[in-house]
Full PDB file with SEQRES, HELIX, SHEET, SSBOND, CRYST1, ORIGX, SCALE, CONECT and MASTER records, all heavy atoms in Angstrom:
SEQRES   1 A   42  HIS THR ALA SER SER ASP SER SER ILE ASP ILE THR SER          
SEQRES   2 A   42  GLY ILE ASP SER THR TYR PRO VAL TYR GLU PHE HIS PHE          
SEQRES   3 A   42  VAL ASN ILE HIS PRO GLY THR ASN SER THR ILE LEU SER          
SEQRES   4 A   42  PHE GLN VAL                                                  
CRYST1    1.000    1.000    1.000  90.00  90.00  90.00 P 1           1          
ORIGX1      1.000000  0.000000  0.000000        0.00000                         
ORIGX2      0.000000  1.000000  0.000000        0.00000                         
ORIGX3      0.000000  0.000000  1.000000        0.00000                         
SCALE1      1.000000  0.000000  0.000000        0.00000                         
SCALE2      0.000000  1.000000  0.000000        0.00000                         
SCALE3      0.000000  0.000000  1.000000        0.00000                         
ATOM      1  N   HIS A   1     -10.137 -24.401 -32.966  1.00  0.00           N  
ATOM      2  CA  HIS A   1     -10.980 -23.154 -33.164  1.00  0.00           C  
ATOM      3  C   HIS A   1     -11.996 -23.026 -32.200  1.00  0.00           C  
ATOM      4  O   HIS A   1     -12.901 -23.860 -32.046  1.00  0.00           O  
ATOM      5  CB  HIS A   1     -11.585 -23.147 -34.631  1.00  0.00           C  
ATOM      6  CG  HIS A   1     -10.508 -23.598 -35.728  1.00  0.00           C  
ATOM      7  ND1 HIS A   1      -9.878 -22.550 -36.319  1.00  0.00           N  
ATOM      8  CD2 HIS A   1     -10.112 -24.817 -36.052  1.00  0.00           C  
ATOM      9  CE1 HIS A   1      -9.021 -23.165 -37.122  1.00  0.00           C  
ATOM     10  NE2 HIS A   1      -9.188 -24.496 -37.010  1.00  0.00           N  
ATOM     11  N   THR A   2     -11.867 -21.964 -31.364  1.00  0.00           N  
ATOM     12  CA  THR A   2     -12.856 -21.669 -30.296  1.00  0.00           C  
ATOM     13  C   THR A   2     -13.822 -20.530 -30.684  1.00  0.00           C  
ATOM     14  O   THR A   2     -13.251 -19.466 -31.091  1.00  0.00           O  
ATOM     15  CB  THR A   2     -12.049 -21.336 -29.046  1.00  0.00           C  
ATOM     16  OG1 THR A   2     -11.219 -22.301 -28.669  1.00  0.00           O  
ATOM     17  CG2 THR A   2     -13.040 -20.999 -27.797  1.00  0.00           C  
ATOM     18  N   ALA A   3     -15.081 -20.818 -30.700  1.00  0.00           N  
ATOM     19  CA  ALA A   3     -16.104 -19.945 -31.140  1.00  0.00           C  
ATOM     20  C   ALA A   3     -16.340 -18.873 -29.977  1.00  0.00           C  
ATOM     21  O   ALA A   3     -16.255 -19.178 -28.817  1.00  0.00           O  
ATOM     22  CB  ALA A   3     -17.485 -20.513 -31.416  1.00  0.00           C  
ATOM     23  N   SER A   4     -16.590 -17.585 -30.417  1.00  0.00           N  
ATOM     24  CA  SER A   4     -17.035 -16.570 -29.517  1.00  0.00           C  
ATOM     25  C   SER A   4     -17.920 -15.604 -30.303  1.00  0.00           C  
ATOM     26  O   SER A   4     -17.448 -14.556 -30.743  1.00  0.00           O  
ATOM     27  CB  SER A   4     -15.745 -15.804 -28.977  1.00  0.00           C  
ATOM     28  OG  SER A   4     -16.141 -14.761 -28.126  1.00  0.00           O  
ATOM     29  N   SER A   5     -19.111 -15.931 -30.423  1.00  0.00           N  
ATOM     30  CA  SER A   5     -20.156 -15.127 -31.199  1.00  0.00           C  
ATOM     31  C   SER A   5     -19.664 -14.953 -32.561  1.00  0.00           C  
ATOM     32  O   SER A   5     -19.803 -13.822 -33.168  1.00  0.00           O  
ATOM     33  CB  SER A   5     -20.383 -13.809 -30.467  1.00  0.00           C  
ATOM     34  OG  SER A   5     -20.976 -14.041 -29.209  1.00  0.00           O  
ATOM     35  N   ASP A   6     -19.217 -15.966 -33.236  1.00  0.00           N  
ATOM     36  CA  ASP A   6     -18.801 -15.924 -34.692  1.00  0.00           C  
ATOM     37  C   ASP A   6     -19.817 -16.336 -35.611  1.00  0.00           C  
ATOM     38  O   ASP A   6     -20.592 -17.335 -35.338  1.00  0.00           O  
ATOM     39  CB  ASP A   6     -17.655 -16.904 -34.852  1.00  0.00           C  
ATOM     40  CG  ASP A   6     -16.401 -16.588 -34.009  1.00  0.00           C  
ATOM     41  OD1 ASP A   6     -15.906 -15.447 -34.131  1.00  0.00           O  
ATOM     42  OD2 ASP A   6     -15.975 -17.414 -33.313  1.00  0.00           O  
ATOM     43  N   SER A   7     -20.025 -15.508 -36.751  1.00  0.00           N  
ATOM     44  CA  SER A   7     -21.021 -15.879 -37.781  1.00  0.00           C  
ATOM     45  C   SER A   7     -20.702 -17.078 -38.419  1.00  0.00           C  
ATOM     46  O   SER A   7     -21.512 -17.870 -38.939  1.00  0.00           O  
ATOM     47  CB  SER A   7     -21.191 -14.766 -38.771  1.00  0.00           C  
ATOM     48  OG  SER A   7     -19.943 -14.472 -39.493  1.00  0.00           O  
ATOM     49  N   SER A   8     -19.350 -17.482 -38.463  1.00  0.00           N  
ATOM     50  CA  SER A   8     -18.877 -18.812 -39.108  1.00  0.00           C  
ATOM     51  C   SER A   8     -17.435 -19.000 -38.525  1.00  0.00           C  
ATOM     52  O   SER A   8     -16.789 -18.159 -38.003  1.00  0.00           O  
ATOM     53  CB  SER A   8     -18.969 -18.720 -40.608  1.00  0.00           C  
ATOM     54  OG  SER A   8     -17.935 -17.894 -41.133  1.00  0.00           O  
ATOM     55  N   ILE A   9     -17.097 -20.213 -38.639  1.00  0.00           N  
ATOM     56  CA  ILE A   9     -15.770 -20.647 -38.419  1.00  0.00           C  
ATOM     57  C   ILE A   9     -15.210 -21.264 -39.692  1.00  0.00           C  
ATOM     58  O   ILE A   9     -15.721 -22.258 -40.166  1.00  0.00           O  
ATOM     59  CB  ILE A   9     -15.601 -21.632 -37.233  1.00  0.00           C  
ATOM     60  CG1 ILE A   9     -16.037 -20.945 -35.999  1.00  0.00           C  
ATOM     61  CG2 ILE A   9     -14.221 -22.175 -37.079  1.00  0.00           C  
ATOM     62  CD1 ILE A   9     -15.997 -21.837 -34.672  1.00  0.00           C  
ATOM     63  N   ASP A  10     -14.190 -20.615 -40.183  1.00  0.00           N  
ATOM     64  CA  ASP A  10     -13.619 -20.998 -41.511  1.00  0.00           C  
ATOM     65  C   ASP A  10     -12.256 -21.754 -41.268  1.00  0.00           C  
ATOM     66  O   ASP A  10     -11.495 -21.011 -40.512  1.00  0.00           O  
ATOM     67  CB  ASP A  10     -13.520 -19.845 -42.398  1.00  0.00           C  
ATOM     68  CG  ASP A  10     -14.614 -19.178 -42.946  1.00  0.00           C  
ATOM     69  OD1 ASP A  10     -15.786 -19.734 -42.578  1.00  0.00           O  
ATOM     70  OD2 ASP A  10     -14.598 -18.225 -43.726  1.00  0.00           O  
ATOM     71  N   ILE A  11     -11.995 -22.849 -41.802  1.00  0.00           N  
ATOM     72  CA  ILE A  11     -10.743 -23.495 -41.693  1.00  0.00           C  
ATOM     73  C   ILE A  11     -10.194 -23.476 -43.034  1.00  0.00           C  
ATOM     74  O   ILE A  11     -10.748 -24.161 -43.938  1.00  0.00           O  
ATOM     75  CB  ILE A  11     -10.877 -24.924 -41.168  1.00  0.00           C  
ATOM     76  CG1 ILE A  11     -11.538 -24.866 -39.747  1.00  0.00           C  
ATOM     77  CG2 ILE A  11      -9.513 -25.569 -41.128  1.00  0.00           C  
ATOM     78  CD1 ILE A  11     -11.812 -26.185 -39.076  1.00  0.00           C  
ATOM     79  N   THR A  12      -9.222 -22.620 -43.346  1.00  0.00           N  
ATOM     80  CA  THR A  12      -8.742 -22.326 -44.711  1.00  0.00           C  
ATOM     81  C   THR A  12      -7.286 -22.881 -44.897  1.00  0.00           C  
ATOM     82  O   THR A  12      -6.796 -22.615 -45.951  1.00  0.00           O  
ATOM     83  CB  THR A  12      -8.751 -20.875 -44.931  1.00  0.00           C  
ATOM     84  OG1 THR A  12      -7.954 -20.208 -43.984  1.00  0.00           O  
ATOM     85  CG2 THR A  12     -10.193 -20.346 -44.839  1.00  0.00           C  
ATOM     86  N   SER A  13      -6.828 -23.578 -43.886  1.00  0.00           N  
ATOM     87  CA  SER A  13      -5.559 -24.235 -44.090  1.00  0.00           C  
ATOM     88  C   SER A  13      -5.453 -25.527 -43.434  1.00  0.00           C  
ATOM     89  O   SER A  13      -6.228 -25.874 -42.439  1.00  0.00           O  
ATOM     90  CB  SER A  13      -4.437 -23.324 -43.661  1.00  0.00           C  
ATOM     91  OG  SER A  13      -4.396 -23.168 -42.194  1.00  0.00           O  
ATOM     92  N   GLY A  14      -4.630 -26.461 -43.901  1.00  0.00           N  
ATOM     93  CA  GLY A  14      -4.412 -27.699 -43.176  1.00  0.00           C  
ATOM     94  C   GLY A  14      -5.119 -28.968 -43.830  1.00  0.00           C  
ATOM     95  O   GLY A  14      -4.881 -30.062 -43.556  1.00  0.00           O  
ATOM     96  N   ILE A  15      -6.123 -28.580 -44.780  1.00  0.00           N  
ATOM     97  CA  ILE A  15      -6.741 -29.652 -45.505  1.00  0.00           C  
ATOM     98  C   ILE A  15      -5.957 -29.801 -46.808  1.00  0.00           C  
ATOM     99  O   ILE A  15      -6.068 -29.036 -47.724  1.00  0.00           O  
ATOM    100  CB  ILE A  15      -8.191 -29.394 -45.649  1.00  0.00           C  
ATOM    101  CG1 ILE A  15      -9.008 -28.990 -44.428  1.00  0.00           C  
ATOM    102  CG2 ILE A  15      -8.961 -30.484 -46.477  1.00  0.00           C  
ATOM    103  CD1 ILE A  15     -10.405 -28.582 -44.584  1.00  0.00           C  
ATOM    104  N   ASP A  16      -5.239 -30.840 -46.879  1.00  0.00           N  
ATOM    105  CA  ASP A  16      -4.412 -31.116 -47.875  1.00  0.00           C  
ATOM    106  C   ASP A  16      -4.104 -32.664 -48.158  1.00  0.00           C  
ATOM    107  O   ASP A  16      -4.929 -33.462 -47.593  1.00  0.00           O  
ATOM    108  CB  ASP A  16      -3.068 -30.344 -47.871  1.00  0.00           C  
ATOM    109  CG  ASP A  16      -2.334 -30.654 -46.644  1.00  0.00           C  
ATOM    110  OD1 ASP A  16      -2.369 -31.836 -46.083  1.00  0.00           O  
ATOM    111  OD2 ASP A  16      -1.610 -29.762 -46.141  1.00  0.00           O  
ATOM    112  N   SER A  17      -3.095 -32.949 -48.860  1.00  0.00           N  
ATOM    113  CA  SER A  17      -2.913 -34.400 -49.138  1.00  0.00           C  
ATOM    114  C   SER A  17      -2.065 -35.097 -48.002  1.00  0.00           C  
ATOM    115  O   SER A  17      -1.680 -36.242 -48.271  1.00  0.00           O  
ATOM    116  CB  SER A  17      -2.102 -34.567 -50.468  1.00  0.00           C  
ATOM    117  OG  SER A  17      -0.877 -33.978 -50.410  1.00  0.00           O  
ATOM    118  N   THR A  18      -1.809 -34.314 -46.879  1.00  0.00           N  
ATOM    119  CA  THR A  18      -1.043 -34.999 -45.876  1.00  0.00           C  
ATOM    120  C   THR A  18      -1.609 -36.165 -45.207  1.00  0.00           C  
ATOM    121  O   THR A  18      -1.076 -37.236 -44.871  1.00  0.00           O  
ATOM    122  CB  THR A  18      -0.669 -33.954 -44.657  1.00  0.00           C  
ATOM    123  OG1 THR A  18      -0.058 -32.754 -45.289  1.00  0.00           O  
ATOM    124  CG2 THR A  18       0.178 -34.447 -43.541  1.00  0.00           C  
ATOM    125  N   TYR A  19      -2.980 -36.113 -45.069  1.00  0.00           N  
ATOM    126  CA  TYR A  19      -3.797 -37.288 -44.416  1.00  0.00           C  
ATOM    127  C   TYR A  19      -4.878 -37.724 -45.467  1.00  0.00           C  
ATOM    128  O   TYR A  19      -5.419 -36.936 -46.150  1.00  0.00           O  
ATOM    129  CB  TYR A  19      -4.460 -36.805 -43.152  1.00  0.00           C  
ATOM    130  CG  TYR A  19      -3.401 -36.423 -42.134  1.00  0.00           C  
ATOM    131  CD1 TYR A  19      -3.029 -35.077 -41.981  1.00  0.00           C  
ATOM    132  CD2 TYR A  19      -2.791 -37.316 -41.317  1.00  0.00           C  
ATOM    133  CE1 TYR A  19      -2.056 -34.684 -41.024  1.00  0.00           C  
ATOM    134  CE2 TYR A  19      -1.773 -36.948 -40.426  1.00  0.00           C  
ATOM    135  CZ  TYR A  19      -1.513 -35.593 -40.272  1.00  0.00           C  
ATOM    136  OH  TYR A  19      -0.600 -35.222 -39.338  1.00  0.00           O  
ATOM    137  N   PRO A  20      -5.149 -38.915 -45.415  1.00  0.00           N  
ATOM    138  CA  PRO A  20      -6.317 -39.518 -46.192  1.00  0.00           C  
ATOM    139  C   PRO A  20      -7.597 -39.193 -45.627  1.00  0.00           C  
ATOM    140  O   PRO A  20      -8.665 -39.206 -46.353  1.00  0.00           O  
ATOM    141  CB  PRO A  20      -6.044 -40.986 -46.411  1.00  0.00           C  
ATOM    142  CG  PRO A  20      -5.290 -41.378 -45.015  1.00  0.00           C  
ATOM    143  CD  PRO A  20      -4.479 -40.140 -44.748  1.00  0.00           C  
ATOM    144  N   VAL A  21      -7.617 -38.982 -44.357  1.00  0.00           N  
ATOM    145  CA  VAL A  21      -8.958 -38.797 -43.663  1.00  0.00           C  
ATOM    146  C   VAL A  21      -8.802 -37.634 -42.755  1.00  0.00           C  
ATOM    147  O   VAL A  21      -7.731 -37.427 -42.039  1.00  0.00           O  
ATOM    148  CB  VAL A  21      -9.398 -39.991 -42.815  1.00  0.00           C  
ATOM    149  CG1 VAL A  21     -10.635 -39.655 -42.087  1.00  0.00           C  
ATOM    150  CG2 VAL A  21      -9.532 -41.110 -43.884  1.00  0.00           C  
ATOM    151  N   TYR A  22      -9.765 -36.760 -42.609  1.00  0.00           N  
ATOM    152  CA  TYR A  22      -9.823 -35.669 -41.668  1.00  0.00           C  
ATOM    153  C   TYR A  22     -11.055 -35.696 -40.795  1.00  0.00           C  
ATOM    154  O   TYR A  22     -12.139 -35.989 -41.391  1.00  0.00           O  
ATOM    155  CB  TYR A  22      -9.749 -34.192 -42.386  1.00  0.00           C  
ATOM    156  CG  TYR A  22      -8.492 -33.925 -43.035  1.00  0.00           C  
ATOM    157  CD1 TYR A  22      -8.082 -34.456 -44.310  1.00  0.00           C  
ATOM    158  CD2 TYR A  22      -7.577 -33.248 -42.440  1.00  0.00           C  
ATOM    159  CE1 TYR A  22      -6.902 -34.253 -44.855  1.00  0.00           C  
ATOM    160  CE2 TYR A  22      -6.257 -32.844 -42.847  1.00  0.00           C  
ATOM    161  CZ  TYR A  22      -6.031 -33.471 -44.103  1.00  0.00           C  
ATOM    162  OH  TYR A  22      -4.711 -33.227 -44.680  1.00  0.00           O  
ATOM    163  N   GLU A  23     -10.846 -35.383 -39.548  1.00  0.00           N  
ATOM    164  CA  GLU A  23     -12.029 -35.466 -38.603  1.00  0.00           C  
ATOM    165  C   GLU A  23     -12.133 -34.051 -37.892  1.00  0.00           C  
ATOM    166  O   GLU A  23     -11.225 -33.414 -37.656  1.00  0.00           O  
ATOM    167  CB  GLU A  23     -11.905 -36.466 -37.475  1.00  0.00           C  
ATOM    168  CG  GLU A  23     -12.144 -37.848 -37.963  1.00  0.00           C  
ATOM    169  CD  GLU A  23     -12.072 -38.833 -36.801  1.00  0.00           C  
ATOM    170  OE1 GLU A  23     -11.816 -38.409 -35.665  1.00  0.00           O  
ATOM    171  OE2 GLU A  23     -12.382 -40.017 -37.114  1.00  0.00           O  
ATOM    172  N   PHE A  24     -13.412 -33.636 -37.922  1.00  0.00           N  
ATOM    173  CA  PHE A  24     -13.683 -32.350 -37.125  1.00  0.00           C  
ATOM    174  C   PHE A  24     -14.627 -32.647 -35.966  1.00  0.00           C  
ATOM    175  O   PHE A  24     -15.646 -33.246 -36.138  1.00  0.00           O  
ATOM    176  CB  PHE A  24     -14.445 -31.364 -38.075  1.00  0.00           C  
ATOM    177  CG  PHE A  24     -13.708 -31.196 -39.450  1.00  0.00           C  
ATOM    178  CD1 PHE A  24     -13.857 -31.957 -40.486  1.00  0.00           C  
ATOM    179  CD2 PHE A  24     -12.782 -30.058 -39.497  1.00  0.00           C  
ATOM    180  CE1 PHE A  24     -13.092 -31.708 -41.693  1.00  0.00           C  
ATOM    181  CE2 PHE A  24     -11.996 -29.831 -40.623  1.00  0.00           C  
ATOM    182  CZ  PHE A  24     -12.260 -30.690 -41.666  1.00  0.00           C  
ATOM    183  N   HIS A  25     -14.093 -32.420 -34.792  1.00  0.00           N  
ATOM    184  CA  HIS A  25     -14.739 -32.707 -33.538  1.00  0.00           C  
ATOM    185  C   HIS A  25     -15.361 -31.414 -32.924  1.00  0.00           C  
ATOM    186  O   HIS A  25     -14.696 -30.389 -32.892  1.00  0.00           O  
ATOM    187  CB  HIS A  25     -13.687 -33.313 -32.486  1.00  0.00           C  
ATOM    188  CG  HIS A  25     -13.221 -34.585 -32.887  1.00  0.00           C  
ATOM    189  ND1 HIS A  25     -12.975 -35.628 -31.968  1.00  0.00           N  
ATOM    190  CD2 HIS A  25     -12.834 -35.145 -34.029  1.00  0.00           C  
ATOM    191  CE1 HIS A  25     -12.574 -36.768 -32.541  1.00  0.00           C  
ATOM    192  NE2 HIS A  25     -12.444 -36.451 -33.861  1.00  0.00           N  
ATOM    193  N   PHE A  26     -16.603 -31.497 -32.734  1.00  0.00           N  
ATOM    194  CA  PHE A  26     -17.417 -30.384 -32.147  1.00  0.00           C  
ATOM    195  C   PHE A  26     -17.691 -30.674 -30.716  1.00  0.00           C  
ATOM    196  O   PHE A  26     -18.188 -31.649 -30.320  1.00  0.00           O  
ATOM    197  CB  PHE A  26     -18.814 -30.326 -32.890  1.00  0.00           C  
ATOM    198  CG  PHE A  26     -18.539 -30.363 -34.410  1.00  0.00           C  
ATOM    199  CD1 PHE A  26     -19.107 -31.555 -35.085  1.00  0.00           C  
ATOM    200  CD2 PHE A  26     -17.971 -29.293 -35.107  1.00  0.00           C  
ATOM    201  CE1 PHE A  26     -18.829 -31.559 -36.515  1.00  0.00           C  
ATOM    202  CE2 PHE A  26     -17.826 -29.385 -36.504  1.00  0.00           C  
ATOM    203  CZ  PHE A  26     -18.291 -30.492 -37.146  1.00  0.00           C  
ATOM    204  N   VAL A  27     -17.170 -29.702 -29.852  1.00  0.00           N  
ATOM    205  CA  VAL A  27     -17.367 -29.830 -28.413  1.00  0.00           C  
ATOM    206  C   VAL A  27     -18.263 -28.651 -27.881  1.00  0.00           C  
ATOM    207  O   VAL A  27     -17.843 -27.525 -27.938  1.00  0.00           O  
ATOM    208  CB  VAL A  27     -16.006 -29.864 -27.745  1.00  0.00           C  
ATOM    209  CG1 VAL A  27     -16.064 -30.029 -26.323  1.00  0.00           C  
ATOM    210  CG2 VAL A  27     -15.031 -30.846 -28.417  1.00  0.00           C  
ATOM    211  N   ASN A  28     -19.326 -29.062 -27.403  1.00  0.00           N  
ATOM    212  CA  ASN A  28     -20.356 -28.134 -26.719  1.00  0.00           C  
ATOM    213  C   ASN A  28     -20.483 -26.906 -27.544  1.00  0.00           C  
ATOM    214  O   ASN A  28     -20.420 -25.689 -27.028  1.00  0.00           O  
ATOM    215  CB  ASN A  28     -19.753 -27.673 -25.253  1.00  0.00           C  
ATOM    216  CG  ASN A  28     -19.727 -28.960 -24.383  1.00  0.00           C  
ATOM    217  OD1 ASN A  28     -20.614 -29.726 -24.430  1.00  0.00           O  
ATOM    218  ND2 ASN A  28     -18.812 -28.925 -23.525  1.00  0.00           N  
ATOM    219  N   ILE A  29     -21.003 -27.046 -28.771  1.00  0.00           N  
ATOM    220  CA  ILE A  29     -21.398 -25.932 -29.687  1.00  0.00           C  
ATOM    221  C   ILE A  29     -22.659 -25.357 -29.157  1.00  0.00           C  
ATOM    222  O   ILE A  29     -23.653 -26.056 -28.986  1.00  0.00           O  
ATOM    223  CB  ILE A  29     -21.586 -26.414 -31.045  1.00  0.00           C  
ATOM    224  CG1 ILE A  29     -20.303 -27.014 -31.649  1.00  0.00           C  
ATOM    225  CG2 ILE A  29     -22.054 -25.246 -32.014  1.00  0.00           C  
ATOM    226  CD1 ILE A  29     -19.028 -26.104 -31.714  1.00  0.00           C  
ATOM    227  N   HIS A  30     -22.641 -24.011 -28.888  1.00  0.00           N  
ATOM    228  CA  HIS A  30     -23.777 -23.334 -28.324  1.00  0.00           C  
ATOM    229  C   HIS A  30     -24.207 -22.158 -29.244  1.00  0.00           C  
ATOM    230  O   HIS A  30     -23.245 -21.356 -29.628  1.00  0.00           O  
ATOM    231  CB  HIS A  30     -23.471 -22.814 -26.944  1.00  0.00           C  
ATOM    232  CG  HIS A  30     -24.673 -22.110 -26.244  1.00  0.00           C  
ATOM    233  ND1 HIS A  30     -25.568 -22.816 -25.584  1.00  0.00           N  
ATOM    234  CD2 HIS A  30     -24.920 -20.831 -26.128  1.00  0.00           C  
ATOM    235  CE1 HIS A  30     -26.545 -22.062 -25.165  1.00  0.00           C  
ATOM    236  NE2 HIS A  30     -26.131 -20.704 -25.335  1.00  0.00           N  
ATOM    237  N   PRO A  31     -25.443 -22.261 -29.836  1.00  0.00           N  
ATOM    238  CA  PRO A  31     -25.771 -21.151 -30.778  1.00  0.00           C  
ATOM    239  C   PRO A  31     -26.140 -19.823 -30.115  1.00  0.00           C  
ATOM    240  O   PRO A  31     -26.604 -19.822 -28.908  1.00  0.00           O  
ATOM    241  CB  PRO A  31     -27.017 -21.759 -31.431  1.00  0.00           C  
ATOM    242  CG  PRO A  31     -27.655 -22.600 -30.368  1.00  0.00           C  
ATOM    243  CD  PRO A  31     -26.432 -23.182 -29.556  1.00  0.00           C  
ATOM    244  N   GLY A  32     -25.992 -18.740 -30.800  1.00  0.00           N  
ATOM    245  CA  GLY A  32     -26.490 -17.400 -30.336  1.00  0.00           C  
ATOM    246  C   GLY A  32     -27.922 -17.294 -30.602  1.00  0.00           C  
ATOM    247  O   GLY A  32     -28.591 -16.503 -29.994  1.00  0.00           O  
ATOM    248  N   THR A  33     -28.473 -18.045 -31.664  1.00  0.00           N  
ATOM    249  CA  THR A  33     -29.849 -17.938 -31.950  1.00  0.00           C  
ATOM    250  C   THR A  33     -30.500 -19.206 -31.631  1.00  0.00           C  
ATOM    251  O   THR A  33     -30.154 -20.315 -31.964  1.00  0.00           O  
ATOM    252  CB  THR A  33     -29.971 -17.621 -33.484  1.00  0.00           C  
ATOM    253  OG1 THR A  33     -29.316 -16.403 -33.875  1.00  0.00           O  
ATOM    254  CG2 THR A  33     -31.556 -17.500 -33.920  1.00  0.00           C  
ATOM    255  N   ASN A  34     -31.658 -19.146 -30.964  1.00  0.00           N  
ATOM    256  CA  ASN A  34     -32.503 -20.235 -30.522  1.00  0.00           C  
ATOM    257  C   ASN A  34     -32.862 -21.209 -31.752  1.00  0.00           C  
ATOM    258  O   ASN A  34     -33.169 -20.684 -32.790  1.00  0.00           O  
ATOM    259  CB  ASN A  34     -33.638 -19.906 -29.653  1.00  0.00           C  
ATOM    260  CG  ASN A  34     -34.213 -21.041 -28.911  1.00  0.00           C  
ATOM    261  OD1 ASN A  34     -33.469 -21.775 -28.285  1.00  0.00           O  
ATOM    262  ND2 ASN A  34     -35.437 -21.212 -28.823  1.00  0.00           N  
ATOM    263  N   SER A  35     -32.856 -22.501 -31.513  1.00  0.00           N  
ATOM    264  CA  SER A  35     -33.375 -23.450 -32.539  1.00  0.00           C  
ATOM    265  C   SER A  35     -32.654 -23.348 -33.884  1.00  0.00           C  
ATOM    266  O   SER A  35     -33.213 -23.471 -34.982  1.00  0.00           O  
ATOM    267  CB  SER A  35     -34.879 -23.286 -32.816  1.00  0.00           C  
ATOM    268  OG  SER A  35     -35.587 -23.446 -31.556  1.00  0.00           O  
ATOM    269  N   THR A  36     -31.294 -23.277 -33.825  1.00  0.00           N  
ATOM    270  CA  THR A  36     -30.464 -23.313 -35.015  1.00  0.00           C  
ATOM    271  C   THR A  36     -29.695 -24.669 -35.136  1.00  0.00           C  
ATOM    272  O   THR A  36     -29.555 -25.356 -34.101  1.00  0.00           O  
ATOM    273  CB  THR A  36     -29.573 -22.053 -35.149  1.00  0.00           C  
ATOM    274  OG1 THR A  36     -28.897 -21.896 -33.954  1.00  0.00           O  
ATOM    275  CG2 THR A  36     -30.455 -20.810 -35.417  1.00  0.00           C  
ATOM    276  N   ILE A  37     -29.057 -24.797 -36.180  1.00  0.00           N  
ATOM    277  CA  ILE A  37     -28.353 -26.131 -36.511  1.00  0.00           C  
ATOM    278  C   ILE A  37     -26.968 -25.892 -36.979  1.00  0.00           C  
ATOM    279  O   ILE A  37     -26.821 -25.140 -37.914  1.00  0.00           O  
ATOM    280  CB  ILE A  37     -29.190 -26.935 -37.572  1.00  0.00           C  
ATOM    281  CG1 ILE A  37     -30.695 -27.086 -37.016  1.00  0.00           C  
ATOM    282  CG2 ILE A  37     -28.599 -28.328 -37.874  1.00  0.00           C  
ATOM    283  CD1 ILE A  37     -31.632 -27.328 -38.138  1.00  0.00           C  
ATOM    284  N   LEU A  38     -26.041 -26.627 -36.524  1.00  0.00           N  
ATOM    285  CA  LEU A  38     -24.654 -26.554 -36.910  1.00  0.00           C  
ATOM    286  C   LEU A  38     -24.584 -27.171 -38.294  1.00  0.00           C  
ATOM    287  O   LEU A  38     -25.157 -28.329 -38.525  1.00  0.00           O  
ATOM    288  CB  LEU A  38     -23.657 -27.308 -35.966  1.00  0.00           C  
ATOM    289  CG  LEU A  38     -22.250 -27.085 -36.396  1.00  0.00           C  
ATOM    290  CD1 LEU A  38     -21.703 -25.671 -36.326  1.00  0.00           C  
ATOM    291  CD2 LEU A  38     -21.327 -27.994 -35.588  1.00  0.00           C  
ATOM    292  N   SER A  39     -23.952 -26.474 -39.191  1.00  0.00           N  
ATOM    293  CA  SER A  39     -23.941 -26.967 -40.617  1.00  0.00           C  
ATOM    294  C   SER A  39     -22.569 -26.592 -41.174  1.00  0.00           C  
ATOM    295  O   SER A  39     -21.763 -25.918 -40.601  1.00  0.00           O  
ATOM    296  CB  SER A  39     -25.005 -26.107 -41.445  1.00  0.00           C  
ATOM    297  OG  SER A  39     -26.242 -26.292 -40.905  1.00  0.00           O  
ATOM    298  N   PHE A  40     -22.298 -27.221 -42.449  1.00  0.00           N  
ATOM    299  CA  PHE A  40     -21.076 -27.007 -43.096  1.00  0.00           C  
ATOM    300  C   PHE A  40     -21.186 -26.866 -44.532  1.00  0.00           C  
ATOM    301  O   PHE A  40     -22.169 -27.270 -45.197  1.00  0.00           O  
ATOM    302  CB  PHE A  40     -20.013 -28.109 -42.768  1.00  0.00           C  
ATOM    303  CG  PHE A  40     -20.101 -29.338 -43.551  1.00  0.00           C  
ATOM    304  CD1 PHE A  40     -19.412 -29.538 -44.629  1.00  0.00           C  
ATOM    305  CD2 PHE A  40     -21.031 -30.309 -43.256  1.00  0.00           C  
ATOM    306  CE1 PHE A  40     -19.555 -30.753 -45.570  1.00  0.00           C  
ATOM    307  CE2 PHE A  40     -21.289 -31.466 -43.977  1.00  0.00           C  
ATOM    308  CZ  PHE A  40     -20.497 -31.644 -45.066  1.00  0.00           C  
ATOM    309  N   GLN A  41     -20.197 -26.209 -45.208  1.00  0.00           N  
ATOM    310  CA  GLN A  41     -20.036 -26.177 -46.609  1.00  0.00           C  
ATOM    311  C   GLN A  41     -18.567 -26.099 -46.958  1.00  0.00           C  
ATOM    312  O   GLN A  41     -17.797 -25.668 -45.989  1.00  0.00           O  
ATOM    313  CB  GLN A  41     -20.871 -25.036 -47.278  1.00  0.00           C  
ATOM    314  CG  GLN A  41     -21.131 -24.924 -48.690  1.00  0.00           C  
ATOM    315  CD  GLN A  41     -21.245 -26.050 -49.557  1.00  0.00           C  
ATOM    316  OE1 GLN A  41     -20.277 -26.743 -49.731  1.00  0.00           O  
ATOM    317  NE2 GLN A  41     -22.405 -26.465 -50.184  1.00  0.00           N  
ATOM    318  N   VAL A  42     -18.132 -26.521 -48.079  1.00  0.00           N  
ATOM    319  CA  VAL A  42     -16.726 -26.618 -48.439  1.00  0.00           C  
ATOM    320  C   VAL A  42     -16.400 -25.775 -49.806  1.00  0.00           C  
ATOM    321  O   VAL A  42     -17.380 -25.459 -50.427  1.00  0.00           O  
ATOM    322  CB  VAL A  42     -16.242 -28.034 -48.595  1.00  0.00           C  
ATOM    323  CG1 VAL A  42     -16.374 -28.770 -47.312  1.00  0.00           C  
ATOM    324  CG2 VAL A  42     -17.006 -28.724 -49.693  1.00  0.00           C  
TER     325      VAL A  42                                                      
MASTER        0    0    0    0    0    0    0    6  324    1    0    4          
END                                                                             
């Protein structure tokens, strides 16, 4: 998933019982607003 001024990135498929562990790799995340923090909720 490549960000382009997105308010959020939603991953709504692929998280299932296929794998016992899932990893999300973040590469060069750059915010649009200064002094903000990458966060998640499920």
